[in-house]
Amino acid sequence: MSTLQRIALLLTVIGALNWGLIGFFRFDLVAAIFGGQASAFARIVYALVGIAGLINLVLLFKPTEELGRTEPKMSRT
C-alpha cells in the first residue's frame, strides 16, 4: 500500500467517524474544530475526505494482484 493510499484510508476513516458522530449525536466534529461548516478550513477537510473516498473507491475494484497481496504459499513436505 502506497503512502498516498494510506493517507486516503486515514482521511476516509476520519470522515466515517465524523458521519457516525453526526448520525448518532448530531455533532459535526470537523465543523466544531474548524469553526462551522462554512469555514474555509472545514470545507478543505470535507473536500480532502471526499477525494480520499474516491481514491479508496478505485482501490475497492482493483484486482488483488495489483494491490500487492499474495496468498501464503503452502509447502508440501
N, C-alpha and C. Protein backbone atom coordinates (compact mmCIF):
# COMPACT_ATOMS: atom_id res chain seq x y z
N MET A 1 0.85 -1.17 0.00
CA MET A 1 0.00 0.00 0.00
C MET A 1 0.90 1.24 0.00
N SER A 2 0.65 2.14 -0.92
CA SER A 2 1.49 3.33 -1.04
C SER A 2 1.14 4.34 0.04
N THR A 3 2.00 5.33 0.19
CA THR A 3 1.77 6.38 1.18
C THR A 3 0.48 7.14 0.87
N LEU A 4 0.24 7.43 -0.40
CA LEU A 4 -0.99 8.13 -0.78
C LEU A 4 -2.22 7.32 -0.40
N GLN A 5 -2.17 6.02 -0.61
CA GLN A 5 -3.29 5.16 -0.26
C GLN A 5 -3.52 5.12 1.25
N ARG A 6 -2.44 5.12 2.01
CA ARG A 6 -2.57 5.12 3.47
C ARG A 6 -3.17 6.43 3.97
N ILE A 7 -2.74 7.54 3.39
CA ILE A 7 -3.31 8.84 3.77
C ILE A 7 -4.79 8.89 3.40
N ALA A 8 -5.12 8.38 2.21
CA ALA A 8 -6.52 8.34 1.77
C ALA A 8 -7.36 7.48 2.72
N LEU A 9 -6.81 6.36 3.14
CA LEU A 9 -7.53 5.49 4.08
C LEU A 9 -7.74 6.20 5.41
N LEU A 10 -6.72 6.89 5.90
CA LEU A 10 -6.85 7.62 7.16
C LEU A 10 -7.92 8.71 7.05
N LEU A 11 -7.92 9.47 5.96
CA LEU A 11 -8.93 10.51 5.78
C LEU A 11 -10.33 9.91 5.65
N THR A 12 -10.44 8.76 5.02
CA THR A 12 -11.74 8.10 4.89
C THR A 12 -12.24 7.66 6.26
N VAL A 13 -11.37 7.16 7.09
CA VAL A 13 -11.76 6.77 8.45
C VAL A 13 -12.20 8.00 9.25
N ILE A 14 -11.47 9.10 9.11
CA ILE A 14 -11.87 10.33 9.79
C ILE A 14 -13.26 10.76 9.34
N GLY A 15 -13.50 10.70 8.03
CA GLY A 15 -14.82 11.05 7.51
C GLY A 15 -15.90 10.12 8.03
N ALA A 16 -15.60 8.84 8.10
CA ALA A 16 -16.59 7.88 8.60
C ALA A 16 -16.91 8.14 10.07
N LEU A 17 -15.89 8.43 10.86
CA LEU A 17 -16.12 8.74 12.27
C LEU A 17 -16.95 10.01 12.41
N ASN A 18 -16.66 11.01 11.60
CA ASN A 18 -17.43 12.24 11.65
C ASN A 18 -18.89 11.99 11.29
N TRP A 19 -19.13 11.19 10.25
CA TRP A 19 -20.51 10.87 9.87
C TRP A 19 -21.20 10.05 10.96
N GLY A 20 -20.46 9.20 11.62
CA GLY A 20 -21.04 8.45 12.74
C GLY A 20 -21.47 9.38 13.86
N LEU A 21 -20.64 10.36 14.16
CA LEU A 21 -21.00 11.34 15.19
C LEU A 21 -22.22 12.15 14.78
N ILE A 22 -22.28 12.51 13.50
CA ILE A 22 -23.44 13.25 13.02
C ILE A 22 -24.70 12.39 13.13
N GLY A 23 -24.59 11.15 12.72
CA GLY A 23 -25.75 10.26 12.73
C GLY A 23 -26.26 9.92 14.11
N PHE A 24 -25.35 9.67 15.04
CA PHE A 24 -25.76 9.25 16.38
C PHE A 24 -26.05 10.42 17.32
N PHE A 25 -25.25 11.48 17.20
CA PHE A 25 -25.33 12.55 18.20
C PHE A 25 -25.63 13.93 17.62
N ARG A 26 -25.80 14.03 16.30
CA ARG A 26 -25.99 15.32 15.63
C ARG A 26 -24.87 16.29 15.97
N PHE A 27 -23.66 15.77 15.99
CA PHE A 27 -22.48 16.57 16.32
C PHE A 27 -21.47 16.44 15.19
N ASP A 28 -21.15 17.55 14.54
CA ASP A 28 -20.18 17.57 13.45
C ASP A 28 -18.83 17.99 14.03
N LEU A 29 -17.95 17.02 14.24
CA LEU A 29 -16.66 17.29 14.87
C LEU A 29 -15.79 18.20 14.01
N VAL A 30 -15.79 17.99 12.71
CA VAL A 30 -14.97 18.82 11.82
C VAL A 30 -15.42 20.28 11.91
N ALA A 31 -16.72 20.50 11.87
CA ALA A 31 -17.25 21.87 11.98
C ALA A 31 -16.93 22.46 13.34
N ALA A 32 -17.00 21.65 14.39
CA ALA A 32 -16.72 22.14 15.74
C ALA A 32 -15.25 22.55 15.88
N ILE A 33 -14.36 21.78 15.27
CA ILE A 33 -12.93 22.08 15.38
C ILE A 33 -12.56 23.30 14.54
N PHE A 34 -13.12 23.39 13.34
CA PHE A 34 -12.68 24.41 12.40
C PHE A 34 -13.61 25.61 12.28
N GLY A 35 -14.59 25.76 13.16
CA GLY A 35 -15.39 26.98 13.21
C GLY A 35 -16.63 27.00 12.34
N GLY A 36 -17.27 25.87 12.16
CA GLY A 36 -18.52 25.83 11.40
C GLY A 36 -18.34 25.20 10.04
N GLN A 37 -19.46 24.72 9.49
CA GLN A 37 -19.42 24.02 8.21
C GLN A 37 -19.01 24.92 7.06
N ALA A 38 -19.27 26.21 7.16
CA ALA A 38 -18.99 27.13 6.07
C ALA A 38 -17.57 27.70 6.11
N SER A 39 -16.81 27.41 7.17
CA SER A 39 -15.45 27.96 7.25
C SER A 39 -14.56 27.31 6.19
N ALA A 40 -13.56 28.05 5.79
CA ALA A 40 -12.66 27.57 4.73
C ALA A 40 -11.95 26.28 5.14
N PHE A 41 -11.47 26.21 6.38
CA PHE A 41 -10.74 25.03 6.82
C PHE A 41 -11.63 23.78 6.84
N ALA A 42 -12.86 23.94 7.32
CA ALA A 42 -13.78 22.80 7.35
C ALA A 42 -14.09 22.34 5.93
N ARG A 43 -14.29 23.27 5.02
CA ARG A 43 -14.57 22.90 3.63
C ARG A 43 -13.39 22.19 2.99
N ILE A 44 -12.17 22.59 3.35
CA ILE A 44 -10.98 21.91 2.83
C ILE A 44 -10.93 20.48 3.35
N VAL A 45 -11.21 20.30 4.64
CA VAL A 45 -11.21 18.95 5.22
C VAL A 45 -12.28 18.09 4.55
N TYR A 46 -13.49 18.65 4.36
CA TYR A 46 -14.55 17.90 3.69
C TYR A 46 -14.13 17.51 2.27
N ALA A 47 -13.48 18.42 1.56
CA ALA A 47 -13.03 18.14 0.19
C ALA A 47 -11.96 17.05 0.17
N LEU A 48 -11.02 17.12 1.11
CA LEU A 48 -9.97 16.10 1.18
C LEU A 48 -10.54 14.73 1.51
N VAL A 49 -11.51 14.69 2.40
CA VAL A 49 -12.16 13.42 2.73
C VAL A 49 -12.89 12.87 1.51
N GLY A 50 -13.54 13.74 0.74
CA GLY A 50 -14.22 13.30 -0.48
C GLY A 50 -13.25 12.75 -1.51
N ILE A 51 -12.12 13.42 -1.70
CA ILE A 51 -11.09 12.93 -2.64
C ILE A 51 -10.54 11.59 -2.15
N ALA A 52 -10.32 11.48 -0.85
CA ALA A 52 -9.83 10.22 -0.28
C ALA A 52 -10.83 9.09 -0.53
N GLY A 53 -12.11 9.39 -0.42
CA GLY A 53 -13.13 8.39 -0.70
C GLY A 53 -13.06 7.92 -2.14
N LEU A 54 -12.82 8.83 -3.08
CA LEU A 54 -12.69 8.45 -4.49
C LEU A 54 -11.46 7.57 -4.71
N ILE A 55 -10.36 7.91 -4.05
CA ILE A 55 -9.15 7.08 -4.16
C ILE A 55 -9.42 5.68 -3.64
N ASN A 56 -10.10 5.60 -2.50
CA ASN A 56 -10.41 4.28 -1.94
C ASN A 56 -11.43 3.52 -2.77
N LEU A 57 -12.31 4.23 -3.45
CA LEU A 57 -13.27 3.59 -4.34
C LEU A 57 -12.54 2.89 -5.48
N VAL A 58 -11.51 3.53 -6.01
CA VAL A 58 -10.69 2.90 -7.06
C VAL A 58 -10.01 1.66 -6.51
N LEU A 59 -9.49 1.74 -5.27
CA LEU A 59 -8.82 0.58 -4.67
C LEU A 59 -9.78 -0.59 -4.46
N LEU A 60 -11.03 -0.29 -4.21
CA LEU A 60 -12.02 -1.33 -3.96
C LEU A 60 -12.18 -2.26 -5.16
N PHE A 61 -12.04 -1.71 -6.35
CA PHE A 61 -12.26 -2.51 -7.55
C PHE A 61 -10.97 -3.00 -8.22
N LYS A 62 -9.82 -2.76 -7.61
CA LYS A 62 -8.57 -3.27 -8.16
C LYS A 62 -8.45 -4.76 -7.85
N PRO A 63 -7.94 -5.52 -8.81
CA PRO A 63 -7.70 -6.94 -8.51
C PRO A 63 -6.67 -7.10 -7.39
N THR A 64 -6.77 -8.16 -6.66
CA THR A 64 -5.88 -8.41 -5.53
C THR A 64 -4.41 -8.42 -5.95
N GLU A 65 -4.12 -8.92 -7.13
CA GLU A 65 -2.74 -8.99 -7.59
C GLU A 65 -2.12 -7.60 -7.70
N GLU A 66 -2.91 -6.62 -8.11
CA GLU A 66 -2.38 -5.27 -8.27
C GLU A 66 -2.17 -4.57 -6.94
N LEU A 67 -2.81 -5.01 -5.90
CA LEU A 67 -2.66 -4.41 -4.59
C LEU A 67 -1.42 -4.91 -3.87
N GLY A 68 -0.76 -5.90 -4.42
CA GLY A 68 0.45 -6.42 -3.80
C GLY A 68 0.20 -7.47 -2.75
N ARG A 69 -1.02 -7.94 -2.66
CA ARG A 69 -1.34 -9.00 -1.70
C ARG A 69 -1.16 -10.34 -2.37
N THR A 70 -0.51 -11.21 -1.70
CA THR A 70 -0.36 -12.56 -2.21
C THR A 70 -0.74 -13.52 -1.11
N GLU A 71 -1.30 -14.61 -1.49
CA GLU A 71 -1.66 -15.65 -0.52
C GLU A 71 -0.38 -16.38 -0.10
N PRO A 72 -0.28 -16.75 1.17
CA PRO A 72 0.90 -17.50 1.60
C PRO A 72 0.95 -18.85 0.91
N LYS A 73 2.15 -19.22 0.50
CA LYS A 73 2.31 -20.49 -0.20
C LYS A 73 2.48 -21.60 0.82
N MET A 74 1.76 -22.66 0.58
CA MET A 74 1.85 -23.83 1.45
C MET A 74 2.92 -24.75 0.89
N SER A 75 3.83 -25.15 1.75
CA SER A 75 4.87 -26.06 1.27
C SER A 75 4.46 -27.49 1.59
N ARG A 76 4.69 -28.34 0.64
CA ARG A 76 4.37 -29.76 0.84
C ARG A 76 5.66 -30.49 1.16
N THR A 77 5.71 -31.05 2.30
CA THR A 77 6.91 -31.80 2.67
C THR A 77 6.57 -33.20 3.04
